[in-house]
Amino acid sequence: MNQNQNNQSSQPEMASLLLGAGFALASLIILPAVAQRVGLGSSVTIALRGALMRAANRF
């Protein structure tokens, strides 16, 4: 029963970790590639990257 309780308590932590990693991946790799493809300026890309990293910090 203790093992089951540990699994349930670690589920939200794992979800937060995966969500934060997804935001980091998006801000460091996916966002610059999409911005270059679309033709956004570097200042807009940096602002979007900052917004994504702040969002990742909340989780």
PDB file of N, CA and C in Angstrom:
ATOM      1  N   MET A   1       0.827  -1.191   0.000  1.00  0.00           N
ATOM      2  CA  MET A   1       0.000   0.000   0.000  1.00  0.00           C
ATOM      3  C   MET A   1       0.874   1.259   0.000  1.00  0.00           C
ATOM      4  N   ASN A   2       1.984   1.208   0.693  1.00  0.00           N
ATOM      5  CA  ASN A   2       2.890   2.342   0.742  1.00  0.00           C
ATOM      6  C   ASN A   2       3.463   2.641  -0.645  1.00  0.00           C
ATOM      7  N   GLN A   3       3.776   1.592  -1.413  1.00  0.00           N
ATOM      8  CA  GLN A   3       4.301   1.783  -2.759  1.00  0.00           C
ATOM      9  C   GLN A   3       3.268   2.469  -3.654  1.00  0.00           C
ATOM     10  N   ASN A   4       2.011   2.077  -3.525  1.00  0.00           N
ATOM     11  CA  ASN A   4       0.944   2.692  -4.305  1.00  0.00           C
ATOM     12  C   ASN A   4       0.804   4.177  -3.957  1.00  0.00           C
ATOM     13  N   GLN A   5       0.928   4.491  -2.678  1.00  0.00           N
ATOM     14  CA  GLN A   5       0.835   5.888  -2.245  1.00  0.00           C
ATOM     15  C   GLN A   5       2.008   6.693  -2.804  1.00  0.00           C
ATOM     16  N   ASN A   6       3.199   6.111  -2.841  1.00  0.00           N
ATOM     17  CA  ASN A   6       4.358   6.803  -3.406  1.00  0.00           C
ATOM     18  C   ASN A   6       4.177   7.055  -4.896  1.00  0.00           C
ATOM     19  N   ASN A   7       3.604   6.079  -5.621  1.00  0.00           N
ATOM     20  CA  ASN A   7       3.366   6.263  -7.051  1.00  0.00           C
ATOM     21  C   ASN A   7       2.387   7.401  -7.301  1.00  0.00           C
ATOM     22  N   GLN A   8       1.338   7.481  -6.491  1.00  0.00           N
ATOM     23  CA  GLN A   8       0.351   8.532  -6.679  1.00  0.00           C
ATOM     24  C   GLN A   8       0.926   9.902  -6.365  1.00  0.00           C
ATOM     25  N   SER A   9       1.798   9.996  -5.397  1.00  0.00           N
ATOM     26  CA  SER A   9       2.366  11.301  -5.052  1.00  0.00           C
ATOM     27  C   SER A   9       3.425  11.727  -6.058  1.00  0.00           C
ATOM     28  N   SER A  10       4.070  10.788  -6.745  1.00  0.00           N
ATOM     29  CA  SER A  10       5.097  11.161  -7.714  1.00  0.00           C
ATOM     30  C   SER A  10       4.508  11.461  -9.088  1.00  0.00           C
ATOM     31  N   GLN A  11       3.253  11.118  -9.330  1.00  0.00           N
ATOM     32  CA  GLN A  11       2.616  11.387 -10.617  1.00  0.00           C
ATOM     33  C   GLN A  11       2.594  12.880 -10.945  1.00  0.00           C
ATOM     34  N   PRO A  12       2.145  13.760 -10.038  1.00  0.00           N
ATOM     35  CA  PRO A  12       2.156  15.201 -10.367  1.00  0.00           C
ATOM     36  C   PRO A  12       3.569  15.747 -10.571  1.00  0.00           C
ATOM     37  N   GLU A  13       4.533  15.219  -9.826  1.00  0.00           N
ATOM     38  CA  GLU A  13       5.909  15.677  -9.989  1.00  0.00           C
ATOM     39  C   GLU A  13       6.433  15.309 -11.374  1.00  0.00           C
ATOM     40  N   MET A  14       6.117  14.096 -11.828  1.00  0.00           N
ATOM     41  CA  MET A  14       6.563  13.657 -13.146  1.00  0.00           C
ATOM     42  C   MET A  14       5.882  14.475 -14.241  1.00  0.00           C
ATOM     43  N   ALA A  15       4.609  14.773 -14.065  1.00  0.00           N
ATOM     44  CA  ALA A  15       3.895  15.584 -15.049  1.00  0.00           C
ATOM     45  C   ALA A  15       4.497  16.986 -15.131  1.00  0.00           C
ATOM     46  N   SER A  16       4.823  17.562 -13.984  1.00  0.00           N
ATOM     47  CA  SER A  16       5.432  18.897 -13.974  1.00  0.00           C
ATOM     48  C   SER A  16       6.803  18.876 -14.632  1.00  0.00           C
ATOM     49  N   LEU A  17       7.559  17.819 -14.369  1.00  0.00           N
ATOM     50  CA  LEU A  17       8.888  17.696 -14.964  1.00  0.00           C
ATOM     51  C   LEU A  17       8.789  17.581 -16.478  1.00  0.00           C
ATOM     52  N   LEU A  18       7.884  16.761 -16.959  1.00  0.00           N
ATOM     53  CA  LEU A  18       7.720  16.597 -18.402  1.00  0.00           C
ATOM     54  C   LEU A  18       7.216  17.873 -19.062  1.00  0.00           C
ATOM     55  N   LEU A  19       6.317  18.566 -18.405  1.00  0.00           N
ATOM     56  CA  LEU A  19       5.797  19.818 -18.952  1.00  0.00           C
ATOM     57  C   LEU A  19       6.895  20.878 -19.010  1.00  0.00           C
ATOM     58  N   GLY A  20       7.681  20.980 -17.957  1.00  0.00           N
ATOM     59  CA  GLY A  20       8.792  21.930 -17.949  1.00  0.00           C
ATOM     60  C   GLY A  20       9.827  21.608 -19.012  1.00  0.00           C
ATOM     61  N   ALA A  21      10.125  20.316 -19.186  1.00  0.00           N
ATOM     62  CA  ALA A  21      11.075  19.905 -20.220  1.00  0.00           C
ATOM     63  C   ALA A  21      10.526  20.205 -21.610  1.00  0.00           C
ATOM     64  N   GLY A  22       9.228  20.031 -21.778  1.00  0.00           N
ATOM     65  CA  GLY A  22       8.609  20.350 -23.063  1.00  0.00           C
ATOM     66  C   GLY A  22       8.696  21.833 -23.381  1.00  0.00           C
ATOM     67  N   PHE A  23       8.450  22.678 -22.386  1.00  0.00           N
ATOM     68  CA  PHE A  23       8.579  24.122 -22.589  1.00  0.00           C
ATOM     69  C   PHE A  23      10.019  24.504 -22.910  1.00  0.00           C
ATOM     70  N   ALA A  24      10.970  23.888 -22.224  1.00  0.00           N
ATOM     71  CA  ALA A  24      12.380  24.194 -22.492  1.00  0.00           C
ATOM     72  C   ALA A  24      12.761  23.772 -23.909  1.00  0.00           C
ATOM     73  N   LEU A  25      12.330  22.586 -24.316  1.00  0.00           N
ATOM     74  CA  LEU A  25      12.609  22.115 -25.671  1.00  0.00           C
ATOM     75  C   LEU A  25      11.982  23.052 -26.699  1.00  0.00           C
ATOM     76  N   ALA A  26      10.762  23.458 -26.440  1.00  0.00           N
ATOM     77  CA  ALA A  26      10.078  24.354 -27.375  1.00  0.00           C
ATOM     78  C   ALA A  26      10.790  25.696 -27.476  1.00  0.00           C
ATOM     79  N   SER A  27      11.235  26.224 -26.349  1.00  0.00           N
ATOM     80  CA  SER A  27      11.842  27.555 -26.384  1.00  0.00           C
ATOM     81  C   SER A  27      13.255  27.543 -26.953  1.00  0.00           C
ATOM     82  N   LEU A  28      13.979  26.445 -26.801  1.00  0.00           N
ATOM     83  CA  LEU A  28      15.365  26.414 -27.261  1.00  0.00           C
ATOM     84  C   LEU A  28      15.533  25.880 -28.672  1.00  0.00           C
ATOM     85  N   ILE A  29      14.650  24.999 -29.116  1.00  0.00           N
ATOM     86  CA  ILE A  29      14.844  24.364 -30.413  1.00  0.00           C
ATOM     87  C   ILE A  29      13.700  24.673 -31.382  1.00  0.00           C
ATOM     88  N   ILE A  30      12.484  24.400 -30.965  1.00  0.00           N
ATOM     89  CA  ILE A  30      11.356  24.499 -31.882  1.00  0.00           C
ATOM     90  C   ILE A  30      11.020  25.948 -32.212  1.00  0.00           C
ATOM     91  N   LEU A  31      10.964  26.802 -31.214  1.00  0.00           N
ATOM     92  CA  LEU A  31      10.598  28.204 -31.441  1.00  0.00           C
ATOM     93  C   LEU A  31      11.550  28.923 -32.398  1.00  0.00           C
ATOM     94  N   PRO A  32      12.869  28.845 -32.217  1.00  0.00           N
ATOM     95  CA  PRO A  32      13.750  29.526 -33.182  1.00  0.00           C
ATOM     96  C   PRO A  32      13.617  28.988 -34.608  1.00  0.00           C
ATOM     97  N   ALA A  33      13.405  27.683 -34.744  1.00  0.00           N
ATOM     98  CA  ALA A  33      13.254  27.109 -36.082  1.00  0.00           C
ATOM     99  C   ALA A  33      11.986  27.622 -36.760  1.00  0.00           C
ATOM    100  N   VAL A  34      10.896  27.652 -36.011  1.00  0.00           N
ATOM    101  CA  VAL A  34       9.636  28.148 -36.565  1.00  0.00           C
ATOM    102  C   VAL A  34       9.740  29.649 -36.852  1.00  0.00           C
ATOM    103  N   ALA A  35      10.360  30.384 -35.958  1.00  0.00           N
ATOM    104  CA  ALA A  35      10.497  31.827 -36.152  1.00  0.00           C
ATOM    105  C   ALA A  35      11.326  32.136 -37.392  1.00  0.00           C
ATOM    106  N   GLN A  36      12.375  31.376 -37.623  1.00  0.00           N
ATOM    107  CA  GLN A  36      13.191  31.593 -38.810  1.00  0.00           C
ATOM    108  C   GLN A  36      12.407  31.255 -40.076  1.00  0.00           C
ATOM    109  N   ARG A  37      11.639  30.192 -39.992  1.00  0.00           N
ATOM    110  CA  ARG A  37      10.836  29.770 -41.156  1.00  0.00           C
ATOM    111  C   ARG A  37       9.767  30.810 -41.496  1.00  0.00           C
ATOM    112  N   VAL A  38       9.134  31.364 -40.469  1.00  0.00           N
ATOM    113  CA  VAL A  38       8.073  32.339 -40.677  1.00  0.00           C
ATOM    114  C   VAL A  38       8.648  33.716 -41.011  1.00  0.00           C
ATOM    115  N   GLY A  39       9.834  34.003 -40.502  1.00  0.00           N
ATOM    116  CA  GLY A  39      10.467  35.279 -40.777  1.00  0.00           C
ATOM    117  C   GLY A  39      10.325  36.294 -39.665  1.00  0.00           C
ATOM    118  N   LEU A  40      10.139  35.825 -38.430  1.00  0.00           N
ATOM    119  CA  LEU A  40      10.054  36.743 -37.291  1.00  0.00           C
ATOM    120  C   LEU A  40      11.432  37.318 -36.997  1.00  0.00           C
ATOM    121  N   GLY A  41      11.429  38.514 -36.463  1.00  0.00           N
ATOM    122  CA  GLY A  41      12.685  39.143 -36.081  1.00  0.00           C
ATOM    123  C   GLY A  41      13.274  38.490 -34.830  1.00  0.00           C
ATOM    124  N   SER A  42      14.554  38.730 -34.615  1.00  0.00           N
ATOM    125  CA  SER A  42      15.223  38.111 -33.471  1.00  0.00           C
ATOM    126  C   SER A  42      14.684  38.626 -32.142  1.00  0.00           C
ATOM    127  N   SER A  43      14.285  39.888 -32.103  1.00  0.00           N
ATOM    128  CA  SER A  43      13.763  40.429 -30.839  1.00  0.00           C
ATOM    129  C   SER A  43      12.428  39.781 -30.470  1.00  0.00           C
ATOM    130  N   VAL A  44      11.601  39.505 -31.467  1.00  0.00           N
ATOM    131  CA  VAL A  44      10.331  38.819 -31.203  1.00  0.00           C
ATOM    132  C   VAL A  44      10.593  37.391 -30.747  1.00  0.00           C
ATOM    133  N   THR A  45      11.548  36.730 -31.374  1.00  0.00           N
ATOM    134  CA  THR A  45      11.906  35.362 -30.994  1.00  0.00           C
ATOM    135  C   THR A  45      12.418  35.315 -29.561  1.00  0.00           C
ATOM    136  N   ILE A  46      13.249  36.267 -29.194  1.00  0.00           N
ATOM    137  CA  ILE A  46      13.780  36.311 -27.827  1.00  0.00           C
ATOM    138  C   ILE A  46      12.661  36.565 -26.825  1.00  0.00           C
ATOM    139  N   ALA A  47      11.728  37.437 -27.170  1.00  0.00           N
ATOM    140  CA  ALA A  47      10.596  37.710 -26.279  1.00  0.00           C
ATOM    141  C   ALA A  47       9.726  36.469 -26.103  1.00  0.00           C
ATOM    142  N   LEU A  48       9.468  35.766 -27.181  1.00  0.00           N
ATOM    143  CA  LEU A  48       8.676  34.528 -27.085  1.00  0.00           C
ATOM    144  C   LEU A  48       9.414  33.462 -26.280  1.00  0.00           C
ATOM    145  N   ARG A  49      10.726  33.370 -26.480  1.00  0.00           N
ATOM    146  CA  ARG A  49      11.524  32.405 -25.714  1.00  0.00           C
ATOM    147  C   ARG A  49      11.465  32.727 -24.219  1.00  0.00           C
ATOM    148  N   GLY A  50      11.551  34.006 -23.880  1.00  0.00           N
ATOM    149  CA  GLY A  50      11.447  34.412 -22.476  1.00  0.00           C
ATOM    150  C   GLY A  50      10.095  34.071 -21.876  1.00  0.00           C
ATOM    151  N   ALA A  51       9.045  34.275 -22.659  1.00  0.00           N
ATOM    152  CA  ALA A  51       7.700  33.957 -22.182  1.00  0.00           C
ATOM    153  C   ALA A  51       7.553  32.458 -21.934  1.00  0.00           C
ATOM    154  N   LEU A  52       8.084  31.646 -22.835  1.00  0.00           N
ATOM    155  CA  LEU A  52       8.020  30.198 -22.646  1.00  0.00           C
ATOM    156  C   LEU A  52       8.828  29.745 -21.434  1.00  0.00           C
ATOM    157  N   MET A  53       9.977  30.338 -21.215  1.00  0.00           N
ATOM    158  CA  MET A  53      10.786  29.948 -20.066  1.00  0.00           C
ATOM    159  C   MET A  53      10.121  30.367 -18.754  1.00  0.00           C
ATOM    160  N   ARG A  54       9.450  31.518 -18.741  1.00  0.00           N
ATOM    161  CA  ARG A  54       8.699  31.915 -17.544  1.00  0.00           C
ATOM    162  C   ARG A  54       7.551  30.958 -17.295  1.00  0.00           C
ATOM    163  N   ALA A  55       6.894  30.537 -18.362  1.00  0.00           N
ATOM    164  CA  ALA A  55       5.800  29.570 -18.220  1.00  0.00           C
ATOM    165  C   ALA A  55       6.326  28.240 -17.695  1.00  0.00           C
ATOM    166  N   ALA A  56       7.504  27.838 -18.148  1.00  0.00           N
ATOM    167  CA  ALA A  56       8.093  26.580 -17.676  1.00  0.00           C
ATOM    168  C   ALA A  56       8.458  26.674 -16.198  1.00  0.00           C
ATOM    169  N   ASN A  57       8.832  27.853 -15.739  1.00  0.00           N
ATOM    170  CA  ASN A  57       9.201  28.036 -14.331  1.00  0.00           C
ATOM    171  C   ASN A  57       8.005  27.924 -13.398  1.00  0.00           C
ATOM    172  N   ARG A  58       6.823  28.190 -13.899  1.00  0.00           N
ATOM    173  CA  ARG A  58       5.633  28.137 -13.054  1.00  0.00           C
ATOM    174  C   ARG A  58       5.237  26.719 -12.679  1.00  0.00           C
ATOM    175  N   PHE A  59       5.673  25.743 -13.451  1.00  0.00           N
ATOM    176  CA  PHE A  59       5.279  24.365 -13.198  1.00  0.00           C
ATOM    177  C   PHE A  59       6.310  23.618 -12.423  1.00  0.00           C
TER     178      PHE A  59
END
